[in-house]
């Protein structure tokens, strides 16, 4: 894990869940990362990609998402 860094902006109170397939709310087992500010970057029904890294994972962003992320951080 790389920990904090000046170029990283922490989302306080983000919740992470492993959501097991149950046939009602999950058709496949997946990981949910929940925080209302995330919709400022990745809008509902948009898709991105993830990759594993030492100690966790990263979410790669598409060009439009990158622009929204940078604007969101500028507002802070």
PDB file of N, CA and C in Angstrom:
ATOM      1  N   UNK A   1       0.857  -1.186   0.000  1.00  0.00           N
ATOM      2  CA  UNK A   1       0.000   0.000   0.000  1.00  0.00           C
ATOM      3  C   UNK A   1       0.892   1.234   0.000  1.00  0.00           C
ATOM      4  N   UNK A   2       0.436   2.248  -0.708  1.00  0.00           N
ATOM      5  CA  UNK A   2       1.258   3.447  -0.812  1.00  0.00           C
ATOM      6  C   UNK A   2       0.887   4.521   0.200  1.00  0.00           C
ATOM      7  N   UNK A   3      -0.271   4.428   0.826  1.00  0.00           N
ATOM      8  CA  UNK A   3      -0.648   5.388   1.859  1.00  0.00           C
ATOM      9  C   UNK A   3      -0.974   6.761   1.312  1.00  0.00           C
ATOM     10  N   UNK A   4      -0.968   7.747   2.207  1.00  0.00           N
ATOM     11  CA  UNK A   4      -1.349   9.101   1.810  1.00  0.00           C
ATOM     12  C   UNK A   4      -0.245   9.752   0.981  1.00  0.00           C
ATOM     13  N   UNK A   5      -0.632  10.756   0.233  1.00  0.00           N
ATOM     14  CA  UNK A   5       0.284  11.506  -0.619  1.00  0.00           C
ATOM     15  C   UNK A   5      -0.391  12.828  -0.938  1.00  0.00           C
ATOM     16  N   UNK A   6       0.354  13.927  -1.119  1.00  0.00           N
ATOM     17  CA  UNK A   6      -0.277  15.219  -1.409  1.00  0.00           C
ATOM     18  C   UNK A   6      -1.209  15.202  -2.628  1.00  0.00           C
ATOM     19  N   UNK A   7      -0.975  14.321  -3.586  1.00  0.00           N
ATOM     20  CA  UNK A   7      -1.840  14.285  -4.764  1.00  0.00           C
ATOM     21  C   UNK A   7      -3.065  13.389  -4.576  1.00  0.00           C
ATOM     22  N   UNK A   8      -3.207  12.765  -3.404  1.00  0.00           N
ATOM     23  CA  UNK A   8      -4.373  11.939  -3.105  1.00  0.00           C
ATOM     24  C   UNK A   8      -5.355  12.740  -2.259  1.00  0.00           C
ATOM     25  N   UNK A   9      -6.643  12.584  -2.541  1.00  0.00           N
ATOM     26  CA  UNK A   9      -7.697  13.296  -1.816  1.00  0.00           C
ATOM     27  C   UNK A   9      -8.638  12.262  -1.213  1.00  0.00           C
ATOM     28  N   UNK A  10      -8.612  12.168   0.108  1.00  0.00           N
ATOM     29  CA  UNK A  10      -9.357  11.134   0.820  1.00  0.00           C
ATOM     30  C   UNK A  10     -10.845  11.467   0.877  1.00  0.00           C
ATOM     31  N   UNK A  11     -11.676  10.459   0.623  1.00  0.00           N
ATOM     32  CA  UNK A  11     -13.118  10.585   0.802  1.00  0.00           C
ATOM     33  C   UNK A  11     -13.458  10.051   2.186  1.00  0.00           C
ATOM     34  N   UNK A  12     -13.795  10.952   3.076  1.00  0.00           N
ATOM     35  CA  UNK A  12     -14.162  10.549   4.433  1.00  0.00           C
ATOM     36  C   UNK A  12     -15.477   9.772   4.395  1.00  0.00           C
ATOM     37  N   UNK A  13     -15.575   8.783   5.225  1.00  0.00           N
ATOM     38  CA  UNK A  13     -16.796   7.996   5.408  1.00  0.00           C
ATOM     39  C   UNK A  13     -17.199   7.163   4.188  1.00  0.00           C
ATOM     40  N   UNK A  14     -16.268   6.879   3.274  1.00  0.00           N
ATOM     41  CA  UNK A  14     -16.584   5.963   2.177  1.00  0.00           C
ATOM     42  C   UNK A  14     -16.752   4.569   2.778  1.00  0.00           C
ATOM     43  N   UNK A  15     -17.711   3.825   2.247  1.00  0.00           N
ATOM     44  CA  UNK A  15     -17.968   2.476   2.739  1.00  0.00           C
ATOM     45  C   UNK A  15     -17.666   1.482   1.632  1.00  0.00           C
ATOM     46  N   UNK A  16     -17.031   0.368   1.993  1.00  0.00           N
ATOM     47  CA  UNK A  16     -16.654  -0.668   1.038  1.00  0.00           C
ATOM     48  C   UNK A  16     -17.241  -1.992   1.514  1.00  0.00           C
ATOM     49  N   UNK A  17     -17.883  -2.695   0.575  1.00  0.00           N
ATOM     50  CA  UNK A  17     -18.533  -3.954   0.901  1.00  0.00           C
ATOM     51  C   UNK A  17     -18.181  -5.019  -0.136  1.00  0.00           C
ATOM     52  N   UNK A  18     -18.064  -6.262   0.304  1.00  0.00           N
ATOM     53  CA  UNK A  18     -18.085  -7.396  -0.603  1.00  0.00           C
ATOM     54  C   UNK A  18     -19.539  -7.857  -0.614  1.00  0.00           C
ATOM     55  N   UNK A  19     -20.178  -7.716  -1.753  1.00  0.00           N
ATOM     56  CA  UNK A  19     -21.607  -7.985  -1.900  1.00  0.00           C
ATOM     57  C   UNK A  19     -21.758  -9.352  -2.572  1.00  0.00           C
ATOM     58  N   UNK A  20     -22.234 -10.324  -1.814  1.00  0.00           N
ATOM     59  CA  UNK A  20     -22.358 -11.701  -2.279  1.00  0.00           C
ATOM     60  C   UNK A  20     -23.638 -11.876  -3.104  1.00  0.00           C
ATOM     61  N   UNK A  21     -23.537 -12.612  -4.190  1.00  0.00           N
ATOM     62  CA  UNK A  21     -24.689 -12.902  -5.040  1.00  0.00           C
ATOM     63  C   UNK A  21     -25.802 -13.492  -4.179  1.00  0.00           C
ATOM     64  N   UNK A  22     -26.985 -12.866  -4.271  1.00  0.00           N
ATOM     65  CA  UNK A  22     -28.122 -13.363  -3.489  1.00  0.00           C
ATOM     66  C   UNK A  22     -29.381 -13.524  -4.333  1.00  0.00           C
ATOM     67  N   UNK A  23     -29.312 -13.172  -5.612  1.00  0.00           N
ATOM     68  CA  UNK A  23     -30.463 -13.310  -6.489  1.00  0.00           C
ATOM     69  C   UNK A  23     -31.513 -12.230  -6.333  1.00  0.00           C
ATOM     70  N   UNK A  24     -31.366 -11.370  -5.337  1.00  0.00           N
ATOM     71  CA  UNK A  24     -32.323 -10.285  -5.122  1.00  0.00           C
ATOM     72  C   UNK A  24     -31.686  -8.931  -5.412  1.00  0.00           C
ATOM     73  N   UNK A  25     -30.656  -8.583  -4.650  1.00  0.00           N
ATOM     74  CA  UNK A  25     -29.994  -7.291  -4.836  1.00  0.00           C
ATOM     75  C   UNK A  25     -28.685  -7.419  -5.595  1.00  0.00           C
ATOM     76  N   UNK A  26     -28.167  -8.633  -5.736  1.00  0.00           N
ATOM     77  CA  UNK A  26     -26.918  -8.855  -6.466  1.00  0.00           C
ATOM     78  C   UNK A  26     -27.035 -10.114  -7.315  1.00  0.00           C
ATOM     79  N   UNK A  27     -26.878  -9.942  -8.619  1.00  0.00           N
ATOM     80  CA  UNK A  27     -26.906 -11.095  -9.519  1.00  0.00           C
ATOM     81  C   UNK A  27     -25.531 -11.742  -9.657  1.00  0.00           C
ATOM     82  N   UNK A  28     -24.491 -11.000  -9.326  1.00  0.00           N
ATOM     83  CA  UNK A  28     -23.128 -11.531  -9.288  1.00  0.00           C
ATOM     84  C   UNK A  28     -22.442 -10.978  -8.040  1.00  0.00           C
ATOM     85  N   UNK A  29     -21.504 -11.716  -7.504  1.00  0.00           N
ATOM     86  CA  UNK A  29     -20.724 -11.229  -6.367  1.00  0.00           C
ATOM     87  C   UNK A  29     -19.799 -10.122  -6.865  1.00  0.00           C
ATOM     88  N   UNK A  30     -19.733  -9.025  -6.101  1.00  0.00           N
ATOM     89  CA  UNK A  30     -18.936  -7.869  -6.519  1.00  0.00           C
ATOM     90  C   UNK A  30     -18.525  -7.043  -5.304  1.00  0.00           C
ATOM     91  N   UNK A  31     -17.744  -6.016  -5.535  1.00  0.00           N
ATOM     92  CA  UNK A  31     -17.330  -5.094  -4.478  1.00  0.00           C
ATOM     93  C   UNK A  31     -18.031  -3.762  -4.722  1.00  0.00           C
ATOM     94  N   UNK A  32     -18.682  -3.239  -3.699  1.00  0.00           N
ATOM     95  CA  UNK A  32     -19.322  -1.926  -3.736  1.00  0.00           C
ATOM     96  C   UNK A  32     -18.460  -0.929  -2.974  1.00  0.00           C
ATOM     97  N   UNK A  33     -18.206   0.215  -3.573  1.00  0.00           N
ATOM     98  CA  UNK A  33     -17.578   1.352  -2.891  1.00  0.00           C
ATOM     99  C   UNK A  33     -18.632   2.446  -2.910  1.00  0.00           C
ATOM    100  N   UNK A  34     -19.091   2.844  -1.739  1.00  0.00           N
ATOM    101  CA  UNK A  34     -20.216   3.775  -1.666  1.00  0.00           C
ATOM    102  C   UNK A  34     -19.829   5.080  -0.983  1.00  0.00           C
ATOM    103  N   UNK A  35     -20.074   6.163  -1.692  1.00  0.00           N
ATOM    104  CA  UNK A  35     -19.914   7.522  -1.182  1.00  0.00           C
ATOM    105  C   UNK A  35     -20.602   8.439  -2.187  1.00  0.00           C
ATOM    106  N   UNK A  36     -21.466   9.360  -1.746  1.00  0.00           N
ATOM    107  CA  UNK A  36     -22.222  10.178  -2.700  1.00  0.00           C
ATOM    108  C   UNK A  36     -21.345  10.989  -3.643  1.00  0.00           C
ATOM    109  N   UNK A  37     -20.170  11.413  -3.216  1.00  0.00           N
ATOM    110  CA  UNK A  37     -19.296  12.211  -4.081  1.00  0.00           C
ATOM    111  C   UNK A  37     -18.749  11.423  -5.266  1.00  0.00           C
ATOM    112  N   UNK A  38     -18.752  10.103  -5.185  1.00  0.00           N
ATOM    113  CA  UNK A  38     -18.240   9.310  -6.299  1.00  0.00           C
ATOM    114  C   UNK A  38     -19.063   9.518  -7.567  1.00  0.00           C
ATOM    115  N   UNK A  39     -20.352   9.852  -7.429  1.00  0.00           N
ATOM    116  CA  UNK A  39     -21.181  10.109  -8.610  1.00  0.00           C
ATOM    117  C   UNK A  39     -20.811  11.405  -9.312  1.00  0.00           C
ATOM    118  N   UNK A  40     -19.995  12.240  -8.683  1.00  0.00           N
ATOM    119  CA  UNK A  40     -19.461  13.429  -9.348  1.00  0.00           C
ATOM    120  C   UNK A  40     -18.412  13.031 -10.389  1.00  0.00           C
ATOM    121  N   UNK A  41     -17.825  11.859 -10.217  1.00  0.00           N
ATOM    122  CA  UNK A  41     -16.752  11.383 -11.093  1.00  0.00           C
ATOM    123  C   UNK A  41     -17.265  10.304 -12.035  1.00  0.00           C
ATOM    124  N   UNK A  42     -17.826   9.246 -11.482  1.00  0.00           N
ATOM    125  CA  UNK A  42     -18.388   8.153 -12.276  1.00  0.00           C
ATOM    126  C   UNK A  42     -19.896   8.195 -12.077  1.00  0.00           C
ATOM    127  N   UNK A  43     -20.595   8.534 -13.136  1.00  0.00           N
ATOM    128  CA  UNK A  43     -22.043   8.676 -13.050  1.00  0.00           C
ATOM    129  C   UNK A  43     -22.716   7.304 -13.040  1.00  0.00           C
ATOM    130  N   UNK A  44     -23.922   7.221 -12.463  1.00  0.00           N
ATOM    131  CA  UNK A  44     -24.642   5.953 -12.485  1.00  0.00           C
ATOM    132  C   UNK A  44     -24.749   5.415 -13.917  1.00  0.00           C
ATOM    133  N   UNK A  45     -24.561   4.129 -14.065  1.00  0.00           N
ATOM    134  CA  UNK A  45     -24.618   3.402 -15.338  1.00  0.00           C
ATOM    135  C   UNK A  45     -23.394   3.595 -16.230  1.00  0.00           C
ATOM    136  N   UNK A  46     -22.379   4.372 -15.806  1.00  0.00           N
ATOM    137  CA  UNK A  46     -21.111   4.429 -16.540  1.00  0.00           C
ATOM    138  C   UNK A  46     -20.225   3.293 -16.047  1.00  0.00           C
ATOM    139  N   UNK A  47     -19.326   2.856 -16.891  1.00  0.00           N
ATOM    140  CA  UNK A  47     -18.407   1.783 -16.522  1.00  0.00           C
ATOM    141  C   UNK A  47     -16.971   2.248 -16.644  1.00  0.00           C
ATOM    142  N   UNK A  48     -16.139   1.662 -15.812  1.00  0.00           N
ATOM    143  CA  UNK A  48     -14.722   1.947 -15.803  1.00  0.00           C
ATOM    144  C   UNK A  48     -14.001   0.617 -15.726  1.00  0.00           C
ATOM    145  N   UNK A  49     -12.790   0.604 -15.240  1.00  0.00           N
ATOM    146  CA  UNK A  49     -12.067  -0.654 -15.059  1.00  0.00           C
ATOM    147  C   UNK A  49     -11.287  -0.614 -13.759  1.00  0.00           C
ATOM    148  N   UNK A  50     -11.010  -1.771 -13.229  1.00  0.00           N
ATOM    149  CA  UNK A  50     -10.234  -1.856 -11.987  1.00  0.00           C
ATOM    150  C   UNK A  50      -9.029  -2.749 -12.207  1.00  0.00           C
ATOM    151  N   UNK A  51      -8.078  -2.590 -11.328  1.00  0.00           N
ATOM    152  CA  UNK A  51      -6.908  -3.447 -11.334  1.00  0.00           C
ATOM    153  C   UNK A  51      -6.425  -3.636  -9.914  1.00  0.00           C
ATOM    154  N   UNK A  52      -5.764  -4.725  -9.695  1.00  0.00           N
ATOM    155  CA  UNK A  52      -5.206  -4.968  -8.377  1.00  0.00           C
ATOM    156  C   UNK A  52      -3.873  -4.260  -8.217  1.00  0.00           C
ATOM    157  N   UNK A  53      -3.573  -3.885  -6.993  1.00  0.00           N
ATOM    158  CA  UNK A  53      -2.265  -3.330  -6.661  1.00  0.00           C
ATOM    159  C   UNK A  53      -1.893  -3.836  -5.276  1.00  0.00           C
ATOM    160  N   UNK A  54      -0.658  -3.715  -4.915  1.00  0.00           N
ATOM    161  CA  UNK A  54      -0.196  -4.158  -3.604  1.00  0.00           C
ATOM    162  C   UNK A  54      -1.047  -3.495  -2.524  1.00  0.00           C
ATOM    163  N   UNK A  55      -1.748  -4.283  -1.734  1.00  0.00           N
ATOM    164  CA  UNK A  55      -2.536  -3.771  -0.622  1.00  0.00           C
ATOM    165  C   UNK A  55      -3.920  -3.279  -0.989  1.00  0.00           C
ATOM    166  N   UNK A  56      -4.374  -3.469  -2.223  1.00  0.00           N
ATOM    167  CA  UNK A  56      -5.706  -2.982  -2.564  1.00  0.00           C
ATOM    168  C   UNK A  56      -5.993  -3.051  -4.042  1.00  0.00           C
ATOM    169  N   UNK A  57      -6.663  -2.028  -4.550  1.00  0.00           N
ATOM    170  CA  UNK A  57      -7.005  -1.965  -5.960  1.00  0.00           C
ATOM    171  C   UNK A  57      -7.075  -0.511  -6.383  1.00  0.00           C
ATOM    172  N   UNK A  58      -7.105  -0.302  -7.694  1.00  0.00           N
ATOM    173  CA  UNK A  58      -7.315   1.039  -8.218  1.00  0.00           C
ATOM    174  C   UNK A  58      -8.467   0.986  -9.202  1.00  0.00           C
ATOM    175  N   UNK A  59      -9.112   2.125  -9.388  1.00  0.00           N
ATOM    176  CA  UNK A  59     -10.174   2.248 -10.378  1.00  0.00           C
ATOM    177  C   UNK A  59      -9.661   3.194 -11.448  1.00  0.00           C
ATOM    178  N   UNK A  60      -9.484   2.673 -12.650  1.00  0.00           N
ATOM    179  CA  UNK A  60      -9.044   3.500 -13.767  1.00  0.00           C
ATOM    180  C   UNK A  60     -10.215   4.302 -14.303  1.00  0.00           C
ATOM    181  N   UNK A  61      -9.938   5.523 -14.747  1.00  0.00           N
ATOM    182  CA  UNK A  61     -10.986   6.420 -15.222  1.00  0.00           C
ATOM    183  C   UNK A  61     -10.829   6.709 -16.710  1.00  0.00           C
ATOM    184  N   UNK A  62     -11.962   6.842 -17.385  1.00  0.00           N
ATOM    185  CA  UNK A  62     -11.982   7.265 -18.784  1.00  0.00           C
ATOM    186  C   UNK A  62     -11.817   8.778 -18.845  1.00  0.00           C
ATOM    187  N   UNK A  63     -11.529   9.289 -20.046  1.00  0.00           N
ATOM    188  CA  UNK A  63     -11.200  10.711 -20.215  1.00  0.00           C
ATOM    189  C   UNK A  63     -12.231  11.647 -19.571  1.00  0.00           C
ATOM    190  N   UNK A  64     -13.521  11.440 -19.848  1.00  0.00           N
ATOM    191  CA  UNK A  64     -14.557  12.313 -19.272  1.00  0.00           C
ATOM    192  C   UNK A  64     -14.564  12.231 -17.748  1.00  0.00           C
ATOM    193  N   UNK A  65     -14.340  11.039 -17.212  1.00  0.00           N
ATOM    194  CA  UNK A  65     -14.319  10.845 -15.767  1.00  0.00           C
ATOM    195  C   UNK A  65     -13.115  11.558 -15.150  1.00  0.00           C
ATOM    196  N   UNK A  66     -11.979  11.508 -15.836  1.00  0.00           N
ATOM    197  CA  UNK A  66     -10.776  12.201 -15.354  1.00  0.00           C
ATOM    198  C   UNK A  66     -11.042  13.696 -15.257  1.00  0.00           C
ATOM    199  N   UNK A  67     -11.660  14.261 -16.288  1.00  0.00           N
ATOM    200  CA  UNK A  67     -11.978  15.694 -16.272  1.00  0.00           C
ATOM    201  C   UNK A  67     -12.894  16.042 -15.109  1.00  0.00           C
ATOM    202  N   UNK A  68     -13.918  15.211 -14.875  1.00  0.00           N
ATOM    203  CA  UNK A  68     -14.832  15.471 -13.754  1.00  0.00           C
ATOM    204  C   UNK A  68     -14.119  15.326 -12.415  1.00  0.00           C
ATOM    205  N   UNK A  69     -13.241  14.335 -12.297  1.00  0.00           N
ATOM    206  CA  UNK A  69     -12.495  14.131 -11.047  1.00  0.00           C
ATOM    207  C   UNK A  69     -11.619  15.338 -10.741  1.00  0.00           C
ATOM    208  N   UNK A  70     -10.936  15.836 -11.752  1.00  0.00           N
ATOM    209  CA  UNK A  70     -10.046  16.985 -11.538  1.00  0.00           C
ATOM    210  C   UNK A  70     -10.852  18.232 -11.169  1.00  0.00           C
ATOM    211  N   UNK A  71     -12.004  18.449 -11.805  1.00  0.00           N
ATOM    212  CA  UNK A  71     -12.862  19.577 -11.449  1.00  0.00           C
ATOM    213  C   UNK A  71     -13.399  19.423 -10.036  1.00  0.00           C
ATOM    214  N   UNK A  72     -13.773  18.192  -9.659  1.00  0.00           N
ATOM    215  CA  UNK A  72     -14.297  17.944  -8.313  1.00  0.00           C
ATOM    216  C   UNK A  72     -13.245  18.283  -7.257  1.00  0.00           C
ATOM    217  N   UNK A  73     -12.015  17.883  -7.477  1.00  0.00           N
ATOM    218  CA  UNK A  73     -10.944  18.133  -6.500  1.00  0.00           C
ATOM    219  C   UNK A  73     -10.637  19.630  -6.437  1.00  0.00           C
ATOM    220  N   UNK A  74     -10.717  20.315  -7.553  1.00  0.00           N
ATOM    221  CA  UNK A  74     -10.493  21.767  -7.557  1.00  0.00           C
ATOM    222  C   UNK A  74     -11.507  22.487  -6.681  1.00  0.00           C
ATOM    223  N   UNK A  75     -12.751  21.966  -6.592  1.00  0.00           N
ATOM    224  CA  UNK A  75     -13.805  22.597  -5.788  1.00  0.00           C
ATOM    225  C   UNK A  75     -13.535  22.475  -4.292  1.00  0.00           C
ATOM    226  N   UNK A  76     -12.735  21.485  -3.886  1.00  0.00           N
ATOM    227  CA  UNK A  76     -12.510  21.254  -2.444  1.00  0.00           C
ATOM    228  C   UNK A  76     -11.812  22.418  -1.795  1.00  0.00           C
TER     229      UNK A  76
END
